[in-house]
C-alpha cells in the first residue's frame, strides 16, 4: 500500500481529498493532521510515501514546516494561493494543486508523487460528474459544491459569479483559475467572461446560449469551439 497523510486546517479539505483518494487503489490514509505541529510529531515517529500539504495554516505555515524536515516525504501542495508556486518548486514539491481542484487533477499529482509513470493509478470505478466536488471561496467561507450543479460562470473583475439553479456565489477565484480546475469534458469557455456547463445548455441561437432563463453571449473568438458542439 502507498501511504499518505493530509495536513490542512480545514476539515472539508480533508473530506474531499479522502473522497478522491478513496476511489484510487493502493492508497492508504495514515493520518489526518490539522496543523503542521501535529504533522511534525507524527512524522518524527512514522514514515509515509507522500503528503498533501496546505500552506496557510495557523501556528506554522506549510513551507516553514517543510523546511524543518530533514528527510520529508514527497509533497503535493493543496492551496488557494497560486503566488507561492515558484517557492514550492524550489522546495522540490512534486505538484502544486490550486483549490478548487478536480479528481482528474489529483490523479495526475498522485502519479507524480509515486513515480510510476508507466503504471498509472486508475480509479476502481469511473467517477461520475456528481462525484466531482469543489471548494469555492466566497463570502468569507469555503462552499463545497458539485460541479454538476453549476449552470455557468461569469467573470466579475478579479472575482467571478458562479450560477446555480437557485443561487449564485460570488467567488474570490478568477475565471481563468476555475477554467483550469474544471473538467473540459463538462465545461466550455464560450466568451472571455463566460464558461458554461455543456449539459445545461438548452438552445444555441445565433450568438447566444440559453440556459434556463439565462442568456449567455458567444464571443467571436470562441465561435469555432462552440460550433464543435453542434
Protein backbone atom coordinates (compact mmCIF):
# COMPACT_ATOMS: atom_id res chain seq x y z
CA UNK A 1 0.00 0.00 0.00
CA UNK A 2 1.10 3.55 -0.71
CA UNK A 3 0.79 5.59 2.48
CA UNK A 4 -0.09 9.28 2.72
CA UNK A 5 -1.18 11.93 5.21
CA UNK A 6 -3.23 15.11 4.86
CA UNK A 7 -2.09 18.35 6.52
CA UNK A 8 -4.77 21.04 6.33
CA UNK A 9 -6.63 23.14 8.91
CA UNK A 10 -9.93 22.85 7.01
CA UNK A 11 -11.96 19.67 7.71
CA UNK A 12 -13.79 19.98 4.38
CA UNK A 13 -10.47 19.81 2.54
CA UNK A 14 -9.73 16.53 4.32
CA UNK A 15 -13.12 15.16 3.30
CA UNK A 16 -12.62 16.00 -0.36
CA UNK A 17 -9.10 14.54 -0.59
CA UNK A 18 -10.21 11.40 1.25
CA UNK A 19 -13.15 11.01 -1.11
CA UNK A 20 -10.96 11.35 -4.20
CA UNK A 21 -8.19 9.10 -2.89
CA UNK A 22 -10.76 6.52 -1.79
CA UNK A 23 -11.55 5.91 -5.47
CA UNK A 24 -7.90 5.03 -6.17
CA UNK A 25 -6.50 1.59 -5.39
CA UNK A 26 -3.39 1.03 -3.27
CA UNK A 27 -3.63 4.36 -1.37
CA UNK A 28 -3.87 4.25 2.39
CA UNK A 29 -4.55 7.30 4.57
CA UNK A 30 -2.37 7.13 7.67
CA UNK A 31 -3.19 10.37 9.48
CA UNK A 32 -5.35 13.49 9.33
CA UNK A 33 -3.29 16.42 10.65
CA UNK A 34 -4.98 19.77 11.21
CA UNK A 35 -1.82 21.79 11.77
CA UNK A 36 1.87 21.46 10.97
CA UNK A 37 2.94 20.76 14.56
CA UNK A 38 0.69 17.72 14.68
CA UNK A 39 2.20 16.51 11.41
CA UNK A 40 5.73 17.13 12.68
CA UNK A 41 5.12 14.95 15.71
CA UNK A 42 3.64 12.18 13.58
CA UNK A 43 6.47 12.19 11.03
CA UNK A 44 9.08 12.04 13.80
CA UNK A 45 7.75 8.59 14.64
CA UNK A 46 6.32 7.33 11.34
CA UNK A 47 7.07 7.34 7.64
CA UNK A 48 4.77 7.83 4.68
CA UNK A 49 5.24 7.93 0.92
CA UNK A 50 3.77 11.39 0.36
CA UNK A 51 1.67 14.10 1.96
CA UNK A 52 -0.94 16.64 0.92
CA UNK A 53 0.19 19.96 2.40
CA UNK A 54 -1.84 23.16 2.81
CA UNK A 55 0.15 26.40 3.10
CA UNK A 56 -1.90 28.94 5.04
CA UNK A 57 -2.25 27.25 8.43
CA UNK A 58 -2.14 28.62 11.99
CA UNK A 59 0.90 28.17 14.28
CA UNK A 60 3.28 27.15 11.46
CA UNK A 61 2.90 27.81 7.74
CA UNK A 62 3.19 24.92 5.30
CA UNK A 63 6.52 25.82 3.69
CA UNK A 64 8.06 26.80 7.04
CA UNK A 65 7.08 23.36 8.30
CA UNK A 66 8.56 21.70 5.22
CA UNK A 67 11.90 23.41 5.82
CA UNK A 68 12.10 21.86 9.29
CA UNK A 69 12.08 18.31 7.89
CA UNK A 70 15.47 16.77 7.18
CA UNK A 71 14.05 13.90 5.13
CA UNK A 72 10.49 14.84 4.15
CA UNK A 73 8.14 12.57 2.20
CA UNK A 74 7.12 13.74 -1.23
CA UNK A 75 4.81 16.75 -1.14
CA UNK A 76 1.65 17.65 -3.04
CA UNK A 77 0.72 21.23 -2.17
CA UNK A 78 -3.01 22.00 -1.90
CA UNK A 79 -3.73 25.71 -1.60
CA UNK A 80 -5.90 28.58 -2.80
CA UNK A 81 -2.80 30.78 -3.28
CA UNK A 82 -1.04 30.48 -6.62
CA UNK A 83 1.61 33.10 -5.80
CA UNK A 84 3.71 30.58 -3.80
CA UNK A 85 4.12 28.11 -6.68
CA UNK A 86 7.70 29.12 -7.52
CA UNK A 87 8.77 28.82 -3.88
CA UNK A 88 7.14 25.41 -3.78
CA UNK A 89 9.07 24.02 -6.69
CA UNK A 90 12.27 25.47 -5.24
CA UNK A 91 11.48 23.24 -2.25
CA UNK A 92 11.08 20.27 -4.62
CA UNK A 93 7.35 19.72 -4.17
CA UNK A 94 6.13 17.22 -6.76
CA UNK A 95 2.97 19.15 -7.66
CA UNK A 96 1.03 22.29 -6.75
CA UNK A 97 -2.77 21.97 -6.72
CA UNK A 98 -4.86 25.12 -6.67
CA UNK A 99 -8.16 24.84 -4.82
CA UNK A 100 -10.67 24.01 -6.09
CA UNK A 101 -9.09 21.08 -7.94
CA UNK A 102 -10.74 18.23 -9.79
CA UNK A 103 -10.48 14.48 -9.36
CA UNK A 104 -8.54 14.20 -12.62
CA UNK A 105 -6.04 16.81 -11.48
CA UNK A 106 -5.47 14.97 -8.21
CA UNK A 107 -4.76 11.72 -10.08
CA UNK A 108 -2.00 13.46 -12.05
CA UNK A 109 -0.45 14.76 -8.83
CA UNK A 110 -0.56 11.37 -7.13
CA UNK A 111 1.04 9.69 -10.11
CA UNK A 112 3.89 12.20 -9.94
CA UNK A 113 4.30 11.55 -6.22
CA UNK A 114 4.59 7.78 -6.53
CA UNK A 115 6.93 7.97 -9.57
CA UNK A 116 5.27 5.27 -11.62
CA UNK A 117 4.69 6.95 -14.97
CA UNK A 118 4.35 3.63 -16.82
CA UNK A 119 1.79 2.17 -14.42
CA UNK A 120 -0.61 4.98 -13.62
CA UNK A 121 -3.19 4.60 -10.92
CA UNK A 122 -6.69 4.14 -12.23
CA UNK A 123 -9.94 4.62 -10.33
CA UNK A 124 -11.65 1.40 -9.24
CA UNK A 125 -14.86 2.83 -10.70
CA UNK A 126 -15.31 5.63 -13.18
CA UNK A 127 -16.27 8.79 -11.27
CA UNK A 128 -19.49 10.40 -12.36
CA UNK A 129 -19.88 14.14 -12.69
CA UNK A 130 -21.91 14.07 -9.47
CA UNK A 131 -18.82 12.84 -7.60
CA UNK A 132 -16.69 15.84 -8.63
CA UNK A 133 -16.76 18.19 -5.67
CA UNK A 134 -15.07 21.56 -5.32
CA UNK A 135 -14.44 24.17 -2.67
CA UNK A 136 -15.44 27.66 -3.78
CA UNK A 137 -14.21 30.57 -1.68
CA UNK A 138 -16.77 33.35 -1.30
CA UNK A 139 -18.37 35.49 1.40
CA UNK A 140 -15.54 34.59 3.84
CA UNK A 141 -16.47 30.90 3.55
CA UNK A 142 -15.44 27.88 1.54
CA UNK A 143 -18.57 26.46 -0.12
CA UNK A 144 -18.43 22.81 -1.12
CA UNK A 145 -20.33 22.39 -4.39
CA UNK A 146 -20.96 19.73 -7.01
CA UNK A 147 -19.65 20.68 -10.42
CA UNK A 148 -22.76 19.07 -11.92
CA UNK A 149 -24.88 21.72 -10.18
CA UNK A 150 -23.09 24.63 -11.88
CA UNK A 151 -25.03 26.28 -14.73
CA UNK A 152 -22.38 28.77 -15.82
CA UNK A 153 -19.63 31.06 -14.55
CA UNK A 154 -19.28 34.77 -15.26
CA UNK A 155 -16.11 36.83 -14.82
CA UNK A 156 -16.56 39.79 -12.46
CA UNK A 157 -13.29 41.75 -12.33
CA UNK A 158 -10.87 39.79 -10.13
CA UNK A 159 -13.80 37.69 -8.93
CA UNK A 160 -16.36 35.54 -10.67
CA UNK A 161 -20.04 34.74 -10.27
CA UNK A 162 -20.94 31.05 -10.18
CA UNK A 163 -24.57 30.44 -11.07
CA UNK A 164 -26.64 27.51 -9.86
CA UNK A 165 -30.33 26.79 -10.39
CA UNK A 166 -31.44 28.59 -7.24
CA UNK A 167 -28.43 30.61 -6.07
CA UNK A 168 -25.30 32.47 -7.07
CA UNK A 169 -21.92 32.52 -5.31
CA UNK A 170 -19.55 35.48 -5.74
CA UNK A 171 -16.19 33.72 -5.64
CA UNK A 172 -12.74 35.13 -4.89
CA UNK A 173 -11.36 32.95 -7.69
CA UNK A 174 -10.58 34.33 -11.14
CA UNK A 175 -12.41 32.69 -14.02
CA UNK A 176 -9.07 31.60 -15.51
CA UNK A 177 -8.24 29.63 -12.34
CA UNK A 178 -11.59 27.88 -12.38
CA UNK A 179 -11.24 27.05 -16.06
CA UNK A 180 -8.05 25.12 -15.31
CA UNK A 181 -9.70 23.16 -12.50
CA UNK A 182 -12.97 22.28 -14.25
CA UNK A 183 -13.30 19.18 -16.42
CA UNK A 184 -13.09 20.26 -20.06
CA UNK A 185 -15.40 17.38 -21.00
CA UNK A 186 -18.16 19.01 -18.95
CA UNK A 187 -17.47 22.75 -19.30
CA UNK A 188 -16.67 25.01 -22.23
CA UNK A 189 -15.37 28.59 -22.46
CA UNK A 190 -17.74 30.46 -24.78
CA UNK A 191 -16.63 34.04 -24.13
CA UNK A 192 -13.73 35.75 -22.37
CA UNK A 193 -16.15 36.33 -19.48
CA UNK A 194 -18.22 33.12 -19.54
CA UNK A 195 -17.82 29.38 -19.01
CA UNK A 196 -20.90 27.20 -19.35
CA UNK A 197 -21.80 23.64 -18.40
CA UNK A 198 -22.30 21.69 -21.62
CA UNK A 199 -25.18 19.56 -20.36
CA UNK A 200 -27.08 22.60 -19.04
CA UNK A 201 -27.37 24.23 -22.48
CA UNK A 202 -30.99 24.39 -23.64
CA UNK A 203 -30.51 26.09 -27.01
CA UNK A 204 -27.86 27.83 -29.10
CA UNK A 205 -29.27 30.58 -31.27
CA UNK A 206 -27.06 32.94 -33.28
CA UNK A 207 -24.54 34.42 -30.85
CA UNK A 208 -26.45 33.41 -27.73
CA UNK A 209 -26.58 30.34 -25.49
CA UNK A 210 -29.71 29.81 -23.42
CA UNK A 211 -29.58 28.03 -20.07
CA UNK A 212 -32.95 28.08 -18.29
CA UNK A 213 -33.88 31.78 -18.17
CA UNK A 214 -30.25 32.91 -18.62
CA UNK A 215 -28.80 34.20 -21.89
CA UNK A 216 -25.02 33.95 -22.36
CA UNK A 217 -23.16 35.64 -25.24
CA UNK A 218 -20.78 33.73 -27.51
CA UNK A 219 -17.51 35.57 -28.10
CA UNK A 220 -16.24 35.97 -31.64
CA UNK A 221 -13.03 34.02 -30.94
CA UNK A 222 -14.96 31.15 -29.32
CA UNK A 223 -17.46 30.51 -32.12
CA UNK A 224 -15.44 27.67 -33.64
CA UNK A 225 -15.24 25.90 -30.27
CA UNK A 226 -18.98 26.28 -29.70
CA UNK A 227 -19.76 25.06 -33.22
CA UNK A 228 -17.99 21.79 -32.40
CA UNK A 229 -20.85 21.04 -30.02
CA UNK A 230 -23.36 21.13 -32.86
